[in-house]
Amino acid sequence: QVHLVESGGSSVQAGGSLRLSCVASGSPFNLYNMGWFRQAPGKEREEREGYEGVAAIYVDEEKMYADSVKGRFTISRDNAKNSLYLEMNNLKPEDTAMYYCAAKRAGTVLPALAHWRYNYWGQGTQVTVSS
């Protein structure tokens, strides 16, 4: 089992940048495919139905991004530090959301940006972008 803690969320002006971090503990980080998800205000749902996949990175460093963030966001991981990162540039008001990191033990099913495939979730960090 892996425990995830996000940090780095803040309030910024449109066009600004933020770097989110997610620290994992409890299980070898390098065994997990990781993802970032977000839930915009007013889209709260039970069981994460309103979650939007933002970016994912696999154990082999393969990366994928939602179309809405391509070219602006960069996902990365540092296995030595048990950490996942999301570099966010040129932020827009529509990026305002609670951001969550998630983990799925690497196996035959690749989780991509499908939130229902991830087993472990952090508590989230709030990003607010004002125009």
Protein backbone atom coordinates (compact mmCIF):
# COMPACT_ATOMS: atom_id res chain seq x y z
CA GLN A 1 0.00 0.00 0.00
CA VAL A 2 1.26 3.49 -0.78
CA HIS A 3 0.48 6.76 0.98
CA LEU A 4 0.50 9.96 -1.11
CA VAL A 5 0.81 13.57 0.00
CA GLU A 6 0.53 16.46 -2.44
CA SER A 7 1.85 19.99 -2.01
CA GLY A 8 2.59 23.10 -4.02
CA GLY A 9 -0.89 24.36 -4.76
CA SER A 10 -1.47 28.08 -4.58
CA SER A 11 -3.29 31.07 -6.04
CA VAL A 12 -1.65 32.61 -9.11
CA GLN A 13 -2.45 35.01 -11.90
CA ALA A 14 -3.21 33.74 -15.38
CA GLY A 15 0.04 33.12 -17.24
CA GLY A 16 1.84 32.16 -14.07
CA SER A 17 3.51 28.90 -13.12
CA LEU A 18 3.34 26.39 -10.31
CA ARG A 19 5.08 23.14 -9.46
CA LEU A 20 3.09 20.49 -7.68
CA SER A 21 4.79 17.71 -5.75
CA CYS A 22 3.57 14.37 -4.49
CA VAL A 23 5.59 12.35 -2.02
CA ALA A 24 4.93 8.65 -1.70
CA SER A 25 5.62 6.37 1.24
CA GLY A 26 4.85 2.87 2.38
CA SER A 27 5.85 0.96 -0.71
CA PRO A 28 8.61 1.13 -3.35
CA PHE A 29 7.73 4.14 -5.48
CA ASN A 30 9.43 2.77 -8.58
CA LEU A 31 6.85 -0.03 -8.79
CA TYR A 32 3.93 2.36 -9.40
CA ASN A 33 2.50 4.06 -12.42
CA MET A 34 1.52 7.56 -11.38
CA GLY A 35 -1.00 10.14 -12.46
CA TRP A 36 -2.24 13.66 -11.77
CA PHE A 37 -5.94 14.35 -11.77
CA ARG A 38 -8.03 17.40 -11.05
CA GLN A 39 -11.54 18.24 -9.96
CA ALA A 40 -12.86 21.65 -10.88
CA PRO A 41 -15.16 23.63 -8.57
CA GLY A 42 -18.77 22.64 -8.84
CA LYS A 43 -17.92 19.25 -10.27
CA GLU A 44 -17.76 17.39 -7.01
CA ARG A 45 -18.97 13.88 -7.39
CA GLU A 46 -19.01 10.77 -5.33
CA GLU A 47 -16.25 8.31 -5.98
CA ARG A 48 -14.26 10.73 -8.17
CA GLU A 49 -16.70 10.72 -11.11
CA GLY A 50 -15.88 14.35 -11.83
CA TYR A 51 -12.11 13.84 -11.96
CA GLU A 52 -10.25 14.86 -15.09
CA GLY A 53 -7.03 13.10 -15.96
CA VAL A 54 -4.23 15.63 -16.43
CA ALA A 55 -1.04 13.64 -16.91
CA ALA A 56 0.41 10.21 -16.23
CA ILE A 57 3.87 8.69 -16.08
CA TYR A 58 4.65 5.03 -16.05
CA VAL A 59 7.46 3.15 -14.38
CA ASP A 60 9.35 3.13 -17.70
CA GLU A 61 9.01 6.97 -17.87
CA GLU A 62 6.43 6.91 -20.65
CA LYS A 63 4.29 10.03 -20.30
CA MET A 64 0.88 11.12 -21.48
CA TYR A 65 -1.14 14.31 -21.19
CA ALA A 66 -4.67 15.55 -21.55
CA ASP A 67 -5.09 17.67 -24.67
CA SER A 68 -6.04 20.64 -22.51
CA VAL A 69 -2.60 20.78 -20.89
CA LYS A 70 -0.25 19.60 -23.63
CA GLY A 71 2.60 22.01 -24.13
CA ARG A 72 1.94 23.72 -20.80
CA PHE A 73 2.27 20.99 -18.17
CA THR A 74 5.13 18.54 -17.63
CA ILE A 75 4.96 15.44 -15.47
CA SER A 76 8.09 13.91 -14.01
CA ARG A 77 9.17 11.55 -11.28
CA ASP A 78 12.23 11.10 -9.08
CA ASN A 79 12.31 7.56 -7.80
CA ALA A 80 15.24 8.29 -5.50
CA LYS A 81 13.08 10.87 -3.73
CA ASN A 82 9.83 8.88 -3.96
CA SER A 83 8.35 11.92 -5.63
CA LEU A 84 6.07 12.86 -8.48
CA TYR A 85 5.95 16.36 -9.94
CA LEU A 86 3.72 18.43 -12.17
CA GLU A 87 5.26 21.55 -13.66
CA MET A 88 2.47 23.87 -14.77
CA ASN A 89 3.21 26.86 -17.00
CA ASN A 90 1.02 29.44 -18.70
CA LEU A 91 -1.77 28.69 -16.27
CA LYS A 92 -5.31 29.60 -17.26
CA PRO A 93 -8.41 30.25 -15.12
CA GLU A 94 -9.85 26.97 -16.36
CA ASP A 95 -6.96 25.16 -14.68
CA THR A 96 -8.48 26.10 -11.32
CA ALA A 97 -9.15 22.85 -9.47
CA MET A 98 -8.15 20.56 -6.69
CA TYR A 99 -5.23 18.50 -7.96
CA TYR A 100 -4.68 14.93 -6.84
CA CYS A 101 -1.88 12.48 -7.41
CA ALA A 102 -2.73 8.82 -7.79
CA ALA A 103 -0.86 5.54 -7.99
CA LYS A 104 -1.41 2.13 -9.47
CA ARG A 105 0.98 -0.74 -9.04
CA ALA A 106 2.53 -1.51 -12.42
CA GLY A 107 1.09 -4.59 -14.07
CA THR A 108 -0.66 -5.75 -17.19
CA VAL A 109 -3.29 -3.01 -17.16
CA LEU A 110 -1.94 0.45 -18.01
CA PRO A 111 -4.03 3.08 -16.24
CA ALA A 112 -3.40 6.00 -18.62
CA LEU A 113 -5.69 8.89 -17.57
CA ALA A 114 -8.54 6.68 -16.36
CA HIS A 115 -9.07 7.57 -12.74
CA TRP A 116 -10.96 4.37 -12.00
CA ARG A 117 -7.82 2.35 -12.64
CA TYR A 118 -5.82 3.99 -9.89
CA ASN A 119 -5.89 2.47 -6.44
CA TYR A 120 -4.24 5.04 -4.21
CA TRP A 121 -4.98 8.73 -3.90
CA GLY A 122 -3.65 11.72 -2.04
CA GLN A 123 -5.79 14.34 -0.32
CA GLY A 124 -5.26 16.97 -2.96
CA THR A 125 -3.75 20.44 -3.28
CA GLN A 126 -5.73 23.47 -4.46
CA VAL A 127 -4.71 25.47 -7.51
CA THR A 128 -6.54 28.73 -8.18
CA VAL A 129 -5.82 30.80 -11.27
CA SER A 130 -7.28 34.29 -11.51
CA SER A 131 -7.68 36.30 -14.68
